[in-house]
């Protein structure tokens, strides 16, 4: 079961990405780690969503405040896959 504090942070951060049609989802979690997915399937402007590096920084910062035991954080962002092999 996912820590309620982790779910609260994800819900809070969804407020940041939702206006651009994105959603953060918890893929898995343990007391020390959390794996997130950035769902862009409903976004008309994926490039308008908070950039990956900044989003990871925000997630890491917020989790450090409310769940300091969570130290291993990963965020799957499909835009990272799309950028492979391009200069953009």
N, C-alpha and C. Protein backbone atom coordinates (compact mmCIF):
# COMPACT_ATOMS: atom_id res chain seq x y z
N UNK A 1 0.83 -1.18 0.00
CA UNK A 1 0.00 0.00 0.00
C UNK A 1 0.88 1.25 0.00
N UNK A 2 0.50 2.21 -0.81
CA UNK A 2 1.27 3.44 -0.94
C UNK A 2 1.06 4.33 0.27
N UNK A 3 2.14 4.88 0.77
CA UNK A 3 2.11 5.81 1.89
C UNK A 3 1.13 6.95 1.59
N UNK A 4 0.19 7.25 2.48
CA UNK A 4 -0.76 8.34 2.25
C UNK A 4 -0.08 9.69 2.01
N UNK A 5 1.08 9.92 2.63
CA UNK A 5 1.79 11.18 2.42
C UNK A 5 2.32 11.27 0.98
N UNK A 6 2.75 10.14 0.43
CA UNK A 6 3.20 10.11 -0.97
C UNK A 6 2.01 10.44 -1.88
N UNK A 7 0.87 9.82 -1.60
CA UNK A 7 -0.33 10.09 -2.41
C UNK A 7 -0.73 11.56 -2.31
N UNK A 8 -0.58 12.15 -1.14
CA UNK A 8 -0.93 13.56 -0.97
C UNK A 8 -0.01 14.46 -1.80
N UNK A 9 1.28 14.13 -1.83
CA UNK A 9 2.23 14.91 -2.64
C UNK A 9 1.90 14.76 -4.12
N UNK A 10 1.61 13.55 -4.56
CA UNK A 10 1.27 13.32 -5.97
C UNK A 10 0.01 14.10 -6.32
N UNK A 11 -0.97 14.08 -5.44
CA UNK A 11 -2.20 14.83 -5.68
C UNK A 11 -1.92 16.34 -5.78
N UNK A 12 -1.09 16.82 -4.88
CA UNK A 12 -0.71 18.24 -4.89
C UNK A 12 -0.01 18.60 -6.21
N UNK A 13 0.91 17.75 -6.64
CA UNK A 13 1.66 18.04 -7.85
C UNK A 13 0.81 17.88 -9.11
N UNK A 14 -0.22 17.07 -9.01
CA UNK A 14 -1.14 16.98 -10.15
C UNK A 14 -1.80 18.33 -10.40
N UNK A 15 -1.92 19.14 -9.37
CA UNK A 15 -2.44 20.49 -9.55
C UNK A 15 -1.56 21.34 -10.44
N UNK A 16 -0.28 21.01 -10.49
CA UNK A 16 0.67 21.75 -11.34
C UNK A 16 0.58 21.29 -12.79
N UNK A 17 0.46 19.98 -13.00
CA UNK A 17 0.50 19.45 -14.37
C UNK A 17 -0.87 19.30 -15.02
N UNK A 18 -1.93 19.24 -14.23
CA UNK A 18 -3.27 19.01 -14.76
C UNK A 18 -3.75 20.09 -15.73
N UNK A 19 -3.44 21.37 -15.51
CA UNK A 19 -3.90 22.38 -16.46
C UNK A 19 -3.41 22.15 -17.90
N UNK A 20 -2.30 21.43 -18.04
CA UNK A 20 -1.76 21.11 -19.36
C UNK A 20 -2.17 19.72 -19.83
N UNK A 21 -3.13 19.09 -19.12
CA UNK A 21 -3.66 17.80 -19.53
C UNK A 21 -2.85 16.60 -19.09
N UNK A 22 -1.89 16.79 -18.19
CA UNK A 22 -1.05 15.70 -17.73
C UNK A 22 -1.51 15.21 -16.36
N UNK A 23 -1.00 14.05 -15.97
CA UNK A 23 -1.30 13.49 -14.66
C UNK A 23 -0.12 12.66 -14.18
N UNK A 24 0.20 12.80 -12.91
CA UNK A 24 1.21 11.95 -12.28
C UNK A 24 0.51 10.76 -11.66
N UNK A 25 1.08 9.58 -11.85
CA UNK A 25 0.52 8.35 -11.31
C UNK A 25 1.61 7.60 -10.56
N UNK A 26 1.24 6.99 -9.45
CA UNK A 26 2.18 6.15 -8.71
C UNK A 26 2.16 4.76 -9.35
N UNK A 27 3.32 4.34 -9.85
CA UNK A 27 3.44 3.00 -10.42
C UNK A 27 3.71 1.98 -9.33
N UNK A 28 4.59 2.35 -8.40
CA UNK A 28 4.90 1.48 -7.27
C UNK A 28 5.57 2.31 -6.19
N UNK A 29 5.51 1.78 -4.98
CA UNK A 29 6.21 2.46 -3.89
C UNK A 29 6.54 1.48 -2.79
N UNK A 30 7.62 1.79 -2.09
CA UNK A 30 8.03 1.08 -0.89
C UNK A 30 8.28 2.17 0.14
N UNK A 31 8.59 1.81 1.37
CA UNK A 31 8.89 2.86 2.35
C UNK A 31 10.08 3.75 1.96
N UNK A 32 10.98 3.22 1.10
CA UNK A 32 12.18 3.98 0.72
C UNK A 32 12.17 4.49 -0.71
N UNK A 33 11.19 4.06 -1.53
CA UNK A 33 11.23 4.44 -2.94
C UNK A 33 9.84 4.67 -3.51
N UNK A 34 9.82 5.42 -4.58
CA UNK A 34 8.57 5.65 -5.31
C UNK A 34 8.88 5.74 -6.80
N UNK A 35 8.04 5.10 -7.59
CA UNK A 35 8.16 5.12 -9.05
C UNK A 35 6.90 5.79 -9.58
N UNK A 36 7.10 6.88 -10.33
CA UNK A 36 5.99 7.66 -10.85
C UNK A 36 5.98 7.61 -12.38
N UNK A 37 4.80 7.82 -12.92
CA UNK A 37 4.60 7.90 -14.36
C UNK A 37 3.93 9.23 -14.67
N UNK A 38 4.43 9.91 -15.68
CA UNK A 38 3.79 11.13 -16.15
C UNK A 38 2.93 10.75 -17.34
N UNK A 39 1.62 10.79 -17.14
CA UNK A 39 0.66 10.42 -18.18
C UNK A 39 0.31 11.67 -18.99
N UNK A 40 0.71 11.64 -20.26
CA UNK A 40 0.45 12.77 -21.16
C UNK A 40 -0.62 12.44 -22.19
N UNK A 41 -1.33 11.34 -22.00
CA UNK A 41 -2.28 10.87 -23.01
C UNK A 41 -3.44 11.84 -23.24
N UNK A 42 -3.73 12.69 -22.27
CA UNK A 42 -4.83 13.65 -22.42
C UNK A 42 -4.33 15.07 -22.71
N UNK A 43 -3.04 15.21 -22.91
CA UNK A 43 -2.45 16.53 -23.12
C UNK A 43 -2.40 16.90 -24.60
N UNK A 44 -2.91 18.08 -24.91
CA UNK A 44 -2.82 18.61 -26.27
C UNK A 44 -1.48 19.30 -26.50
N UNK A 45 -0.75 19.54 -25.42
CA UNK A 45 0.51 20.27 -25.51
C UNK A 45 1.52 19.68 -24.52
N UNK A 46 2.04 18.48 -24.81
CA UNK A 46 2.99 17.87 -23.87
C UNK A 46 4.20 18.75 -23.57
N UNK A 47 4.63 19.52 -24.55
CA UNK A 47 5.79 20.39 -24.33
C UNK A 47 5.47 21.54 -23.38
N UNK A 48 4.19 21.77 -23.10
CA UNK A 48 3.77 22.82 -22.17
C UNK A 48 3.85 22.36 -20.71
N UNK A 49 3.91 21.06 -20.49
CA UNK A 49 3.98 20.50 -19.14
C UNK A 49 5.35 20.80 -18.55
N UNK A 50 5.40 20.98 -17.25
CA UNK A 50 6.66 21.24 -16.55
C UNK A 50 7.74 20.30 -17.07
N UNK A 51 8.92 20.83 -17.43
CA UNK A 51 10.00 19.98 -17.94
C UNK A 51 10.39 18.88 -16.95
N UNK A 52 10.85 17.76 -17.51
CA UNK A 52 11.18 16.57 -16.72
C UNK A 52 12.11 16.89 -15.55
N UNK A 53 13.23 17.54 -15.80
CA UNK A 53 14.22 17.79 -14.74
C UNK A 53 13.62 18.63 -13.62
N UNK A 54 12.84 19.64 -13.96
CA UNK A 54 12.21 20.48 -12.95
C UNK A 54 11.15 19.70 -12.17
N UNK A 55 10.40 18.88 -12.86
CA UNK A 55 9.37 18.08 -12.20
C UNK A 55 10.00 17.10 -11.21
N UNK A 56 11.09 16.46 -11.60
CA UNK A 56 11.80 15.55 -10.69
C UNK A 56 12.30 16.33 -9.47
N UNK A 57 12.83 17.53 -9.70
CA UNK A 57 13.32 18.36 -8.60
C UNK A 57 12.18 18.72 -7.63
N UNK A 58 11.03 19.07 -8.18
CA UNK A 58 9.89 19.42 -7.35
C UNK A 58 9.40 18.21 -6.55
N UNK A 59 9.26 17.07 -7.22
CA UNK A 59 8.82 15.84 -6.55
C UNK A 59 9.80 15.49 -5.43
N UNK A 60 11.08 15.51 -5.73
CA UNK A 60 12.11 15.17 -4.75
C UNK A 60 12.06 16.10 -3.54
N UNK A 61 11.93 17.39 -3.80
CA UNK A 61 11.87 18.37 -2.73
C UNK A 61 10.66 18.17 -1.83
N UNK A 62 9.49 18.00 -2.45
CA UNK A 62 8.26 17.83 -1.66
C UNK A 62 8.29 16.53 -0.86
N UNK A 63 8.76 15.45 -1.47
CA UNK A 63 8.83 14.18 -0.75
C UNK A 63 9.84 14.26 0.40
N UNK A 64 10.93 14.98 0.22
CA UNK A 64 11.92 15.14 1.29
C UNK A 64 11.30 15.84 2.49
N UNK A 65 10.37 16.75 2.23
CA UNK A 65 9.71 17.48 3.32
C UNK A 65 8.74 16.60 4.09
N UNK A 66 7.98 15.77 3.39
CA UNK A 66 6.90 15.01 4.06
C UNK A 66 7.22 13.53 4.26
N UNK A 67 8.13 13.00 3.48
CA UNK A 67 8.51 11.57 3.57
C UNK A 67 10.03 11.45 3.43
N UNK A 68 10.79 11.92 4.41
CA UNK A 68 12.26 11.91 4.25
C UNK A 68 12.85 10.52 4.06
N UNK A 69 12.10 9.49 4.45
CA UNK A 69 12.60 8.12 4.27
C UNK A 69 12.58 7.69 2.81
N UNK A 70 11.82 8.37 1.97
CA UNK A 70 11.78 8.06 0.53
C UNK A 70 12.98 8.75 -0.12
N UNK A 71 13.95 7.95 -0.52
CA UNK A 71 15.19 8.51 -1.08
C UNK A 71 15.40 8.12 -2.53
N UNK A 72 14.70 7.09 -2.98
CA UNK A 72 14.85 6.62 -4.36
C UNK A 72 13.58 6.98 -5.12
N UNK A 73 13.70 7.99 -5.97
CA UNK A 73 12.54 8.51 -6.69
C UNK A 73 12.82 8.45 -8.18
N UNK A 74 11.91 7.85 -8.93
CA UNK A 74 12.06 7.86 -10.38
C UNK A 74 10.75 8.30 -11.01
N UNK A 75 10.88 8.98 -12.12
CA UNK A 75 9.73 9.52 -12.83
C UNK A 75 9.86 9.17 -14.31
N UNK A 76 8.96 8.33 -14.79
CA UNK A 76 8.94 8.02 -16.22
C UNK A 76 8.22 9.15 -16.93
N UNK A 77 8.89 9.74 -17.91
CA UNK A 77 8.35 10.85 -18.69
C UNK A 77 8.46 10.45 -20.16
N UNK A 78 7.35 10.23 -20.85
CA UNK A 78 7.41 9.78 -22.25
C UNK A 78 8.10 10.77 -23.17
N UNK A 79 8.19 12.01 -22.77
CA UNK A 79 8.90 13.00 -23.60
C UNK A 79 10.38 12.69 -23.66
N UNK A 80 10.90 12.04 -22.64
CA UNK A 80 12.32 11.66 -22.63
C UNK A 80 12.59 10.62 -23.72
N UNK A 81 11.67 9.68 -23.91
CA UNK A 81 11.80 8.68 -24.98
C UNK A 81 11.72 9.34 -26.35
N UNK A 82 10.80 10.29 -26.50
CA UNK A 82 10.59 10.95 -27.79
C UNK A 82 11.81 11.76 -28.20
N UNK A 83 12.59 12.21 -27.22
CA UNK A 83 13.74 13.06 -27.54
C UNK A 83 14.98 12.29 -27.92
N UNK A 84 15.00 10.98 -27.78
CA UNK A 84 16.18 10.20 -28.10
C UNK A 84 16.51 10.31 -29.59
N UNK A 85 17.76 10.62 -29.85
CA UNK A 85 18.22 10.67 -31.23
C UNK A 85 17.90 11.99 -31.92
N UNK A 86 17.36 12.96 -31.19
CA UNK A 86 17.08 14.26 -31.84
C UNK A 86 17.85 15.35 -31.12
N UNK A 87 17.99 16.46 -31.79
CA UNK A 87 18.70 17.59 -31.21
C UNK A 87 17.79 18.50 -30.41
N UNK A 88 16.49 18.25 -30.45
CA UNK A 88 15.52 19.14 -29.77
C UNK A 88 15.47 18.89 -28.29
